[in-house]
Amino acid sequence: MSRENVWENAEPGVKRKIFAPGQTIMMMEVHFEEGAEGYLHSHVHEQLSYCLEGQLEFTVNGEKIVISEGETIFIPSSAEHGCRALRKSRLLDTFTPLRQDLLEI
């Protein structure tokens, strides 16, 4: 069953929609309520996150980085990372290679 183009809950106050992927790259949009958190985790995929709206504080391998609307952050392969929405926020996340864990149920 496909999870593409369907809004689903991730963590409390966080929802995401996964877009149809390419051969080796994929995107998803993530919405955060103010104060909501994307829990610390890691994956082998490289990630670029673009802030569409709001402001988020990321933790990447223990380093705190704040991004606001119009800014991006790169998360290297296997880096431990998570974020907290300082305001209501929207992100566009891009991953390579494909995250099969997100594409399949």
PDB file of N, CA and C in Angstrom:
ATOM      1  N   MET A   1       0.849  -1.192   0.000  1.00  0.00           N
ATOM      2  CA  MET A   1       0.000   0.000   0.000  1.00  0.00           C
ATOM      3  C   MET A   1       0.890   1.248   0.000  1.00  0.00           C
ATOM      4  N   SER A   2       0.528   2.220  -0.769  1.00  0.00           N
ATOM      5  CA  SER A   2       1.316   3.446  -0.901  1.00  0.00           C
ATOM      6  C   SER A   2       0.923   4.477   0.143  1.00  0.00           C
ATOM      7  N   ARG A   3       1.929   5.209   0.624  1.00  0.00           N
ATOM      8  CA  ARG A   3       1.689   6.291   1.580  1.00  0.00           C
ATOM      9  C   ARG A   3       1.827   7.646   0.895  1.00  0.00           C
ATOM     10  N   GLU A   4       1.961   7.678  -0.420  1.00  0.00           N
ATOM     11  CA  GLU A   4       2.213   8.903  -1.163  1.00  0.00           C
ATOM     12  C   GLU A   4       0.983   9.805  -1.196  1.00  0.00           C
ATOM     13  N   ASN A   5       1.229  11.121  -1.061  1.00  0.00           N
ATOM     14  CA  ASN A   5       0.226  12.176  -1.186  1.00  0.00           C
ATOM     15  C   ASN A   5      -0.929  12.059  -0.193  1.00  0.00           C
ATOM     16  N   VAL A   6      -0.651  11.466   0.978  1.00  0.00           N
ATOM     17  CA  VAL A   6      -1.646  11.336   2.036  1.00  0.00           C
ATOM     18  C   VAL A   6      -1.066  11.963   3.299  1.00  0.00           C
ATOM     19  N   TRP A   7      -1.806  12.861   3.949  1.00  0.00           N
ATOM     20  CA  TRP A   7      -1.344  13.431   5.217  1.00  0.00           C
ATOM     21  C   TRP A   7      -1.458  12.374   6.301  1.00  0.00           C
ATOM     22  N   GLU A   8      -0.396  12.228   7.095  1.00  0.00           N
ATOM     23  CA  GLU A   8      -0.398  11.285   8.209  1.00  0.00           C
ATOM     24  C   GLU A   8       0.279  11.924   9.410  1.00  0.00           C
ATOM     25  N   ASN A   9      -0.100  11.470  10.591  1.00  0.00           N
ATOM     26  CA  ASN A   9       0.530  11.959  11.811  1.00  0.00           C
ATOM     27  C   ASN A   9       1.891  11.299  11.969  1.00  0.00           C
ATOM     28  N   ALA A  10       2.869  12.098  12.392  1.00  0.00           N
ATOM     29  CA  ALA A  10       4.209  11.585  12.681  1.00  0.00           C
ATOM     30  C   ALA A  10       4.338  11.564  14.202  1.00  0.00           C
ATOM     31  N   GLU A  11       4.895  12.632  14.794  1.00  0.00           N
ATOM     32  CA  GLU A  11       4.941  12.785  16.238  1.00  0.00           C
ATOM     33  C   GLU A  11       3.775  13.692  16.663  1.00  0.00           C
ATOM     34  N   PRO A  12       3.527  13.844  17.973  1.00  0.00           N
ATOM     35  CA  PRO A  12       2.463  14.750  18.417  1.00  0.00           C
ATOM     36  C   PRO A  12       2.679  16.174  17.884  1.00  0.00           C
ATOM     37  N   GLY A  13       1.656  16.722  17.227  1.00  0.00           N
ATOM     38  CA  GLY A  13       1.738  18.071  16.676  1.00  0.00           C
ATOM     39  C   GLY A  13       2.492  18.151  15.364  1.00  0.00           C
ATOM     40  N   VAL A  14       2.825  16.987  14.787  1.00  0.00           N
ATOM     41  CA  VAL A  14       3.588  16.935  13.528  1.00  0.00           C
ATOM     42  C   VAL A  14       2.835  16.033  12.551  1.00  0.00           C
ATOM     43  N   LYS A  15       2.598  16.548  11.326  1.00  0.00           N
ATOM     44  CA  LYS A  15       2.016  15.713  10.275  1.00  0.00           C
ATOM     45  C   LYS A  15       2.847  15.854   9.012  1.00  0.00           C
ATOM     46  N   ARG A  16       2.787  14.834   8.164  1.00  0.00           N
ATOM     47  CA  ARG A  16       3.617  14.829   6.958  1.00  0.00           C
ATOM     48  C   ARG A  16       2.846  14.260   5.779  1.00  0.00           C
ATOM     49  N   LYS A  17       3.300  14.691   4.581  1.00  0.00           N
ATOM     50  CA  LYS A  17       2.771  14.159   3.323  1.00  0.00           C
ATOM     51  C   LYS A  17       3.966  13.813   2.442  1.00  0.00           C
ATOM     52  N   ILE A  18       4.049  12.570   2.044  1.00  0.00           N
ATOM     53  CA  ILE A  18       5.146  12.076   1.217  1.00  0.00           C
ATOM     54  C   ILE A  18       4.723  12.182  -0.247  1.00  0.00           C
ATOM     55  N   PHE A  19       5.575  12.805  -1.071  1.00  0.00           N
ATOM     56  CA  PHE A  19       5.281  12.967  -2.490  1.00  0.00           C
ATOM     57  C   PHE A  19       5.810  11.770  -3.278  1.00  0.00           C
ATOM     58  N   ALA A  20       5.250  11.553  -4.471  1.00  0.00           N
ATOM     59  CA  ALA A  20       5.720  10.480  -5.339  1.00  0.00           C
ATOM     60  C   ALA A  20       7.215  10.671  -5.600  1.00  0.00           C
ATOM     61  N   PRO A  21       8.023   9.626  -5.391  1.00  0.00           N
ATOM     62  CA  PRO A  21       9.479   9.759  -5.506  1.00  0.00           C
ATOM     63  C   PRO A  21       9.982   9.637  -6.943  1.00  0.00           C
ATOM     64  N   GLY A  22      11.244  10.049  -7.134  1.00  0.00           N
ATOM     65  CA  GLY A  22      11.973   9.761  -8.364  1.00  0.00           C
ATOM     66  C   GLY A  22      12.706   8.445  -8.212  1.00  0.00           C
ATOM     67  N   GLN A  23      13.731   8.247  -9.027  1.00  0.00           N
ATOM     68  CA  GLN A  23      14.496   7.003  -8.959  1.00  0.00           C
ATOM     69  C   GLN A  23      15.359   6.924  -7.706  1.00  0.00           C
ATOM     70  N   THR A  24      15.966   8.053  -7.300  1.00  0.00           N
ATOM     71  CA  THR A  24      16.903   8.042  -6.175  1.00  0.00           C
ATOM     72  C   THR A  24      16.698   9.198  -5.207  1.00  0.00           C
ATOM     73  N   ILE A  25      15.649   9.998  -5.401  1.00  0.00           N
ATOM     74  CA  ILE A  25      15.408  11.169  -4.556  1.00  0.00           C
ATOM     75  C   ILE A  25      13.920  11.271  -4.256  1.00  0.00           C
ATOM     76  N   MET A  26      13.600  11.778  -3.081  1.00  0.00           N
ATOM     77  CA  MET A  26      12.195  11.923  -2.686  1.00  0.00           C
ATOM     78  C   MET A  26      12.016  13.155  -1.804  1.00  0.00           C
ATOM     79  N   MET A  27      10.758  13.609  -1.708  1.00  0.00           N
ATOM     80  CA  MET A  27      10.428  14.774  -0.874  1.00  0.00           C
ATOM     81  C   MET A  27       9.193  14.483  -0.040  1.00  0.00           C
ATOM     82  N   MET A  28       9.097  15.232   1.066  1.00  0.00           N
ATOM     83  CA  MET A  28       7.868  15.237   1.843  1.00  0.00           C
ATOM     84  C   MET A  28       7.707  16.606   2.485  1.00  0.00           C
ATOM     85  N   GLU A  29       6.464  17.001   2.694  1.00  0.00           N
ATOM     86  CA  GLU A  29       6.155  18.245   3.391  1.00  0.00           C
ATOM     87  C   GLU A  29       5.780  17.882   4.818  1.00  0.00           C
ATOM     88  N   VAL A  30       6.293  18.655   5.774  1.00  0.00           N
ATOM     89  CA  VAL A  30       6.049  18.378   7.183  1.00  0.00           C
ATOM     90  C   VAL A  30       5.524  19.646   7.853  1.00  0.00           C
ATOM     91  N   HIS A  31       4.416  19.534   8.577  1.00  0.00           N
ATOM     92  CA  HIS A  31       3.830  20.655   9.304  1.00  0.00           C
ATOM     93  C   HIS A  31       4.006  20.437  10.804  1.00  0.00           C
ATOM     94  N   PHE A  32       4.402  21.503  11.507  1.00  0.00           N
ATOM     95  CA  PHE A  32       4.627  21.466  12.952  1.00  0.00           C
ATOM     96  C   PHE A  32       3.759  22.504  13.639  1.00  0.00           C
ATOM     97  N   GLU A  33       3.066  22.119  14.696  1.00  0.00           N
ATOM     98  CA  GLU A  33       2.455  23.091  15.584  1.00  0.00           C
ATOM     99  C   GLU A  33       3.567  23.730  16.404  1.00  0.00           C
ATOM    100  N   GLU A  34       3.357  24.936  16.891  1.00  0.00           N
ATOM    101  CA  GLU A  34       4.369  25.577  17.731  1.00  0.00           C
ATOM    102  C   GLU A  34       4.710  24.674  18.911  1.00  0.00           C
ATOM    103  N   GLY A  35       5.998  24.466  19.143  1.00  0.00           N
ATOM    104  CA  GLY A  35       6.470  23.630  20.249  1.00  0.00           C
ATOM    105  C   GLY A  35       6.571  22.151  19.928  1.00  0.00           C
ATOM    106  N   ALA A  36       6.032  21.718  18.791  1.00  0.00           N
ATOM    107  CA  ALA A  36       6.086  20.299  18.420  1.00  0.00           C
ATOM    108  C   ALA A  36       7.521  19.903  18.072  1.00  0.00           C
ATOM    109  N   GLU A  37       7.816  18.625  18.260  1.00  0.00           N
ATOM    110  CA  GLU A  37       9.174  18.129  18.032  1.00  0.00           C
ATOM    111  C   GLU A  37       9.204  16.973  17.048  1.00  0.00           C
ATOM    112  N   GLY A  38      10.228  16.991  16.211  1.00  0.00           N
ATOM    113  CA  GLY A  38      10.614  15.827  15.433  1.00  0.00           C
ATOM    114  C   GLY A  38      11.693  15.144  16.258  1.00  0.00           C
ATOM    115  N   TYR A  39      11.421  13.959  16.757  1.00  0.00           N
ATOM    116  CA  TYR A  39      12.310  13.296  17.709  1.00  0.00           C
ATOM    117  C   TYR A  39      13.686  13.008  17.109  1.00  0.00           C
ATOM    118  N   LEU A  40      14.703  12.948  17.977  1.00  0.00           N
ATOM    119  CA  LEU A  40      16.054  12.599  17.540  1.00  0.00           C
ATOM    120  C   LEU A  40      16.053  11.210  16.897  1.00  0.00           C
ATOM    121  N   HIS A  41      16.713  11.122  15.751  1.00  0.00           N
ATOM    122  CA  HIS A  41      16.830   9.867  15.020  1.00  0.00           C
ATOM    123  C   HIS A  41      17.992   9.984  14.043  1.00  0.00           C
ATOM    124  N   SER A  42      18.307   8.907  13.357  1.00  0.00           N
ATOM    125  CA  SER A  42      19.320   8.947  12.304  1.00  0.00           C
ATOM    126  C   SER A  42      18.927   7.963  11.213  1.00  0.00           C
ATOM    127  N   HIS A  43      19.438   8.185  10.021  1.00  0.00           N
ATOM    128  CA  HIS A  43      19.225   7.299   8.883  1.00  0.00           C
ATOM    129  C   HIS A  43      20.399   7.484   7.930  1.00  0.00           C
ATOM    130  N   VAL A  44      20.610   6.515   7.064  1.00  0.00           N
ATOM    131  CA  VAL A  44      21.765   6.576   6.155  1.00  0.00           C
ATOM    132  C   VAL A  44      21.563   7.584   5.029  1.00  0.00           C
ATOM    133  N   HIS A  45      20.367   8.093   4.869  1.00  0.00           N
ATOM    134  CA  HIS A  45      20.032   9.003   3.782  1.00  0.00           C
ATOM    135  C   HIS A  45      20.543  10.410   4.053  1.00  0.00           C
ATOM    136  N   GLU A  46      21.004  11.099   3.004  1.00  0.00           N
ATOM    137  CA  GLU A  46      21.284  12.530   3.115  1.00  0.00           C
ATOM    138  C   GLU A  46      19.946  13.253   3.084  1.00  0.00           C
ATOM    139  N   GLN A  47      19.878  14.387   3.795  1.00  0.00           N
ATOM    140  CA  GLN A  47      18.624  15.137   3.891  1.00  0.00           C
ATOM    141  C   GLN A  47      18.899  16.623   3.734  1.00  0.00           C
ATOM    142  N   LEU A  48      18.080  17.273   2.925  1.00  0.00           N
ATOM    143  CA  LEU A  48      18.043  18.728   2.844  1.00  0.00           C
ATOM    144  C   LEU A  48      16.656  19.153   3.282  1.00  0.00           C
ATOM    145  N   SER A  49      16.572  20.080   4.225  1.00  0.00           N
ATOM    146  CA  SER A  49      15.282  20.586   4.686  1.00  0.00           C
ATOM    147  C   SER A  49      15.200  22.072   4.389  1.00  0.00           C
ATOM    148  N   TYR A  50      14.095  22.480   3.756  1.00  0.00           N
ATOM    149  CA  TYR A  50      13.841  23.872   3.402  1.00  0.00           C
ATOM    150  C   TYR A  50      12.661  24.364   4.226  1.00  0.00           C
ATOM    151  N   CYS A  51      12.821  25.464   4.940  1.00  0.00           N
ATOM    152  CA  CYS A  51      11.762  26.017   5.777  1.00  0.00           C
ATOM    153  C   CYS A  51      10.829  26.868   4.917  1.00  0.00           C
ATOM    154  N   LEU A  52       9.619  26.376   4.715  1.00  0.00           N
ATOM    155  CA  LEU A  52       8.603  27.093   3.950  1.00  0.00           C
ATOM    156  C   LEU A  52       7.952  28.205   4.767  1.00  0.00           C
ATOM    157  N   GLU A  53       7.863  27.970   6.082  1.00  0.00           N
ATOM    158  CA  GLU A  53       7.178  28.910   6.974  1.00  0.00           C
ATOM    159  C   GLU A  53       7.644  28.638   8.398  1.00  0.00           C
ATOM    160  N   GLY A  54       7.752  29.697   9.200  1.00  0.00           N
ATOM    161  CA  GLY A  54       8.027  29.540  10.617  1.00  0.00           C
ATOM    162  C   GLY A  54       9.502  29.570  10.964  1.00  0.00           C
ATOM    163  N   GLN A  55       9.821  28.905  12.070  1.00  0.00           N
ATOM    164  CA  GLN A  55      11.198  28.870  12.579  1.00  0.00           C
ATOM    165  C   GLN A  55      11.371  27.597  13.399  1.00  0.00           C
ATOM    166  N   LEU A  56      12.476  26.882  13.137  1.00  0.00           N
ATOM    167  CA  LEU A  56      12.746  25.617  13.820  1.00  0.00           C
ATOM    168  C   LEU A  56      14.163  25.578  14.340  1.00  0.00           C
ATOM    169  N   GLU A  57      14.317  24.948  15.491  1.00  0.00           N
ATOM    170  CA  GLU A  57      15.644  24.707  16.052  1.00  0.00           C
ATOM    171  C   GLU A  57      15.978  23.240  15.830  1.00  0.00           C
ATOM    172  N   PHE A  58      16.988  22.994  14.998  1.00  0.00           N
ATOM    173  CA  PHE A  58      17.469  21.642  14.738  1.00  0.00           C
ATOM    174  C   PHE A  58      18.610  21.318  15.677  1.00  0.00           C
ATOM    175  N   THR A  59      18.725  20.056  16.023  1.00  0.00           N
ATOM    176  CA  THR A  59      19.897  19.518  16.691  1.00  0.00           C
ATOM    177  C   THR A  59      20.485  18.488  15.741  1.00  0.00           C
ATOM    178  N   VAL A  60      21.738  18.706  15.327  1.00  0.00           N
ATOM    179  CA  VAL A  60      22.415  17.789  14.416  1.00  0.00           C
ATOM    180  C   VAL A  60      23.738  17.390  15.066  1.00  0.00           C
ATOM    181  N   ASN A  61      23.840  16.122  15.433  1.00  0.00           N
ATOM    182  CA  ASN A  61      25.020  15.613  16.145  1.00  0.00           C
ATOM    183  C   ASN A  61      25.381  16.505  17.339  1.00  0.00           C
ATOM    184  N   GLY A  62      24.363  16.931  18.077  1.00  0.00           N
ATOM    185  CA  GLY A  62      24.567  17.719  19.287  1.00  0.00           C
ATOM    186  C   GLY A  62      24.661  19.216  19.077  1.00  0.00           C
ATOM    187  N   GLU A  63      24.771  19.675  17.828  1.00  0.00           N
ATOM    188  CA  GLU A  63      24.874  21.111  17.533  1.00  0.00           C
ATOM    189  C   GLU A  63      23.485  21.686  17.256  1.00  0.00           C
ATOM    190  N   LYS A  64      23.161  22.828  17.869  1.00  0.00           N
ATOM    191  CA  LYS A  64      21.878  23.507  17.685  1.00  0.00           C
ATOM    192  C   LYS A  64      21.989  24.497  16.522  1.00  0.00           C
ATOM    193  N   ILE A  65      21.021  24.436  15.599  1.00  0.00           N
ATOM    194  CA  ILE A  65      20.993  25.309  14.437  1.00  0.00           C
ATOM    195  C   ILE A  65      19.549  25.769  14.236  1.00  0.00           C
ATOM    196  N   VAL A  66      19.332  27.076  14.153  1.00  0.00           N
ATOM    197  CA  VAL A  66      17.989  27.619  13.942  1.00  0.00           C
ATOM    198  C   VAL A  66      17.857  28.039  12.486  1.00  0.00           C
ATOM    199  N   ILE A  67      16.758  27.597  11.849  1.00  0.00           N
ATOM    200  CA  ILE A  67      16.457  28.067  10.499  1.00  0.00           C
ATOM    201  C   ILE A  67      15.072  28.692  10.490  1.00  0.00           C
ATOM    202  N   SER A  68      14.904  29.671   9.604  1.00  0.00           N
ATOM    203  CA  SER A  68      13.646  30.389   9.445  1.00  0.00           C
ATOM    204  C   SER A  68      13.188  30.289   8.000  1.00  0.00           C
ATOM    205  N   GLU A  69      12.000  30.801   7.731  1.00  0.00           N
ATOM    206  CA  GLU A  69      11.423  30.788   6.394  1.00  0.00           C
ATOM    207  C   GLU A  69      12.452  31.192   5.340  1.00  0.00           C
ATOM    208  N   GLY A  70      12.565  30.369   4.293  1.00  0.00           N
ATOM    209  CA  GLY A  70      13.486  30.640   3.193  1.00  0.00           C
ATOM    210  C   GLY A  70      14.884  30.104   3.394  1.00  0.00           C
ATOM    211  N   GLU A  71      15.149  29.443   4.519  1.00  0.00           N
ATOM    212  CA  GLU A  71      16.487  28.911   4.795  1.00  0.00           C
ATOM    213  C   GLU A  71      16.475  27.383   4.737  1.00  0.00           C
ATOM    214  N   THR A  72      17.672  26.811   4.533  1.00  0.00           N
ATOM    215  CA  THR A  72      17.814  25.363   4.443  1.00  0.00           C
ATOM    216  C   THR A  72      18.830  24.852   5.452  1.00  0.00           C
ATOM    217  N   ILE A  73      18.772  23.555   5.688  1.00  0.00           N
ATOM    218  CA  ILE A  73      19.766  22.875   6.503  1.00  0.00           C
ATOM    219  C   ILE A  73      20.071  21.539   5.827  1.00  0.00           C
ATOM    220  N   PHE A  74      21.351  21.175   5.807  1.00  0.00           N
ATOM    221  CA  PHE A  74      21.790  19.890   5.274  1.00  0.00           C
ATOM    222  C   PHE A  74      22.082  18.964   6.442  1.00  0.00           C
ATOM    223  N   ILE A  75      21.558  17.760   6.369  1.00  0.00           N
ATOM    224  CA  ILE A  75      21.803  16.756   7.401  1.00  0.00           C
ATOM    225  C   ILE A  75      22.527  15.584   6.736  1.00  0.00           C
ATOM    226  N   PRO A  76      23.791  15.358   7.120  1.00  0.00           N
ATOM    227  CA  PRO A  76      24.582  14.292   6.488  1.00  0.00           C
ATOM    228  C   PRO A  76      24.061  12.896   6.817  1.00  0.00           C
ATOM    229  N   SER A  77      24.467  11.942   6.021  1.00  0.00           N
ATOM    230  CA  SER A  77      24.148  10.542   6.249  1.00  0.00           C
ATOM    231  C   SER A  77      24.560  10.121   7.664  1.00  0.00           C
ATOM    232  N   SER A  78      23.661   9.428   8.342  1.00  0.00           N
ATOM    233  CA  SER A  78      23.881   8.838   9.669  1.00  0.00           C
ATOM    234  C   SER A  78      24.026   9.846  10.804  1.00  0.00           C
ATOM    235  N   ALA A  79      23.803  11.140  10.560  1.00  0.00           N
ATOM    236  CA  ALA A  79      23.856  12.141  11.633  1.00  0.00           C
ATOM    237  C   ALA A  79      22.616  12.007  12.518  1.00  0.00           C
ATOM    238  N   GLU A  80      22.817  12.055  13.840  1.00  0.00           N
ATOM    239  CA  GLU A  80      21.674  12.070  14.745  1.00  0.00           C
ATOM    240  C   GLU A  80      21.060  13.467  14.696  1.00  0.00           C
ATOM    241  N   HIS A  81      19.766  13.544  14.450  1.00  0.00           N
ATOM    242  CA  HIS A  81      19.128  14.852  14.290  1.00  0.00           C
ATOM    243  C   HIS A  81      17.658  14.817  14.703  1.00  0.00           C
ATOM    244  N   GLY A  82      17.161  15.992  15.002  1.00  0.00           N
ATOM    245  CA  GLY A  82      15.762  16.213  15.339  1.00  0.00           C
ATOM    246  C   GLY A  82      15.529  17.706  15.320  1.00  0.00           C
ATOM    247  N   CYS A  83      14.294  18.134  15.563  1.00  0.00           N
ATOM    248  CA  CYS A  83      14.019  19.575  15.571  1.00  0.00           C
ATOM    249  C   CYS A  83      12.835  19.888  16.471  1.00  0.00           C
ATOM    250  N   ARG A  84      12.725  21.173  16.796  1.00  0.00           N
ATOM    251  CA  ARG A  84      11.613  21.695  17.599  1.00  0.00           C
ATOM    252  C   ARG A  84      11.126  22.967  16.935  1.00  0.00           C
ATOM    253  N   ALA A  85       9.813  23.073  16.755  1.00  0.00           N
ATOM    254  CA  ALA A  85       9.233  24.251  16.118  1.00  0.00           C
ATOM    255  C   ALA A  85       9.158  25.400  17.125  1.00  0.00           C
ATOM    256  N   LEU A  86       9.878  26.472  16.856  1.00  0.00           N
ATOM    257  CA  LEU A  86       9.829  27.663  17.714  1.00  0.00           C
ATOM    258  C   LEU A  86       8.565  28.465  17.440  1.00  0.00           C
ATOM    259  N   ARG A  87       8.016  28.290  16.234  1.00  0.00           N
ATOM    260  CA  ARG A  87       6.726  28.854  15.829  1.00  0.00           C
ATOM    261  C   ARG A  87       6.035  27.798  14.967  1.00  0.00           C
ATOM    262  N   LYS A  88       4.765  27.985  14.678  1.00  0.00           N
ATOM    263  CA  LYS A  88       4.092  27.115  13.716  1.00  0.00           C
ATOM    264  C   LYS A  88       4.934  27.114  12.442  1.00  0.00           C
ATOM    265  N   SER A  89       5.251  25.917  11.916  1.00  0.00           N
ATOM    266  CA  SER A  89       6.222  25.829  10.832  1.00  0.00           C
ATOM    267  C   SER A  89       5.837  24.782   9.797  1.00  0.00           C
ATOM    268  N   ARG A  90       6.411  24.967   8.598  1.00  0.00           N
ATOM    269  CA  ARG A  90       6.281  23.991   7.514  1.00  0.00           C
ATOM    270  C   ARG A  90       7.654  23.772   6.891  1.00  0.00           C
ATOM    271  N   LEU A  91       8.010  22.510   6.683  1.00  0.00           N
ATOM    272  CA  LEU A  91       9.284  22.136   6.060  1.00  0.00           C
ATOM    273  C   LEU A  91       9.031  21.354   4.781  1.00  0.00           C
ATOM    274  N   LEU A  92       9.965  21.464   3.857  1.00  0.00           N
ATOM    275  CA  LEU A  92      10.034  20.572   2.710  1.00  0.00           C
ATOM    276  C   LEU A  92      11.327  19.789   2.867  1.00  0.00           C
ATOM    277  N   ASP A  93      11.199  18.475   3.109  1.00  0.00           N
ATOM    278  CA  ASP A  93      12.356  17.605   3.313  1.00  0.00           C
ATOM    279  C   ASP A  93      12.634  16.822   2.037  1.00  0.00           C
ATOM    280  N   THR A  94      13.910  16.738   1.661  1.00  0.00           N
ATOM    281  CA  THR A  94      14.349  15.976   0.505  1.00  0.00           C
ATOM    282  C   THR A  94      15.369  14.943   0.969  1.00  0.00           C
ATOM    283  N   PHE A  95      15.233  13.716   0.476  1.00  0.00           N
ATOM    284  CA  PHE A  95      16.124  12.616   0.873  1.00  0.00           C
ATOM    285  C   PHE A  95      16.694  11.916  -0.352  1.00  0.00           C
ATOM    286  N   THR A  96      17.931  11.468  -0.221  1.00  0.00           N
ATOM    287  CA  THR A  96      18.537  10.577  -1.197  1.00  0.00           C
ATOM    288  C   THR A  96      19.450   9.618  -0.464  1.00  0.00           C
ATOM    289  N   PRO A  97      19.465   8.330  -0.778  1.00  0.00           N
ATOM    290  CA  PRO A  97      18.551   7.647  -1.690  1.00  0.00           C
ATOM    291  C   PRO A  97      17.140   7.586  -1.108  1.00  0.00           C
ATOM    292  N   LEU A  98      16.256   6.871  -1.775  1.00  0.00           N
ATOM    293  CA  LEU A  98      14.873   6.770  -1.327  1.00  0.00           C
ATOM    294  C   LEU A  98      14.782   6.168   0.076  1.00  0.00           C
ATOM    295  N   ARG A  99      13.889   6.708   0.874  1.00  0.00           N
ATOM    296  CA  ARG A  99      13.617   6.161   2.212  1.00  0.00           C
ATOM    297  C   ARG A  99      12.471   5.159   2.100  1.00  0.00           C
ATOM    298  N   GLN A 100      12.822   3.915   1.864  1.00  0.00           N
ATOM    299  CA  GLN A 100      11.802   2.872   1.731  1.00  0.00           C
ATOM    300  C   GLN A 100      10.958   2.754   2.994  1.00  0.00           C
ATOM    301  N   ASP A 101      11.542   3.082   4.167  1.00  0.00           N
ATOM    302  CA  ASP A 101      10.789   3.008   5.424  1.00  0.00           C
ATOM    303  C   ASP A 101       9.613   3.982   5.428  1.00  0.00           C
ATOM    304  N   LEU A 102       9.697   5.057   4.666  1.00  0.00           N
ATOM    305  CA  LEU A 102       8.610   6.024   4.583  1.00  0.00           C
ATOM    306  C   LEU A 102       7.659   5.731   3.418  1.00  0.00           C
ATOM    307  N   LEU A 103       8.131   5.034   2.408  1.00  0.00           N
ATOM    308  CA  LEU A 103       7.338   4.809   1.209  1.00  0.00           C
ATOM    309  C   LEU A 103       6.418   3.599   1.317  1.00  0.00           C
ATOM    310  N   GLU A 104       6.745   2.644   2.180  1.00  0.00           N
ATOM    311  CA  GLU A 104       5.970   1.416   2.287  1.00  0.00           C
ATOM    312  C   GLU A 104       5.428   1.237   3.685  1.00  0.00           C
ATOM    313  N   ILE A 105       4.268   0.685   3.771  1.00  0.00           N
ATOM    314  CA  ILE A 105       3.666   0.389   5.077  1.00  0.00           C
ATOM    315  C   ILE A 105       4.083  -1.000   5.501  1.00  0.00           C
TER     316      ILE A 105
END
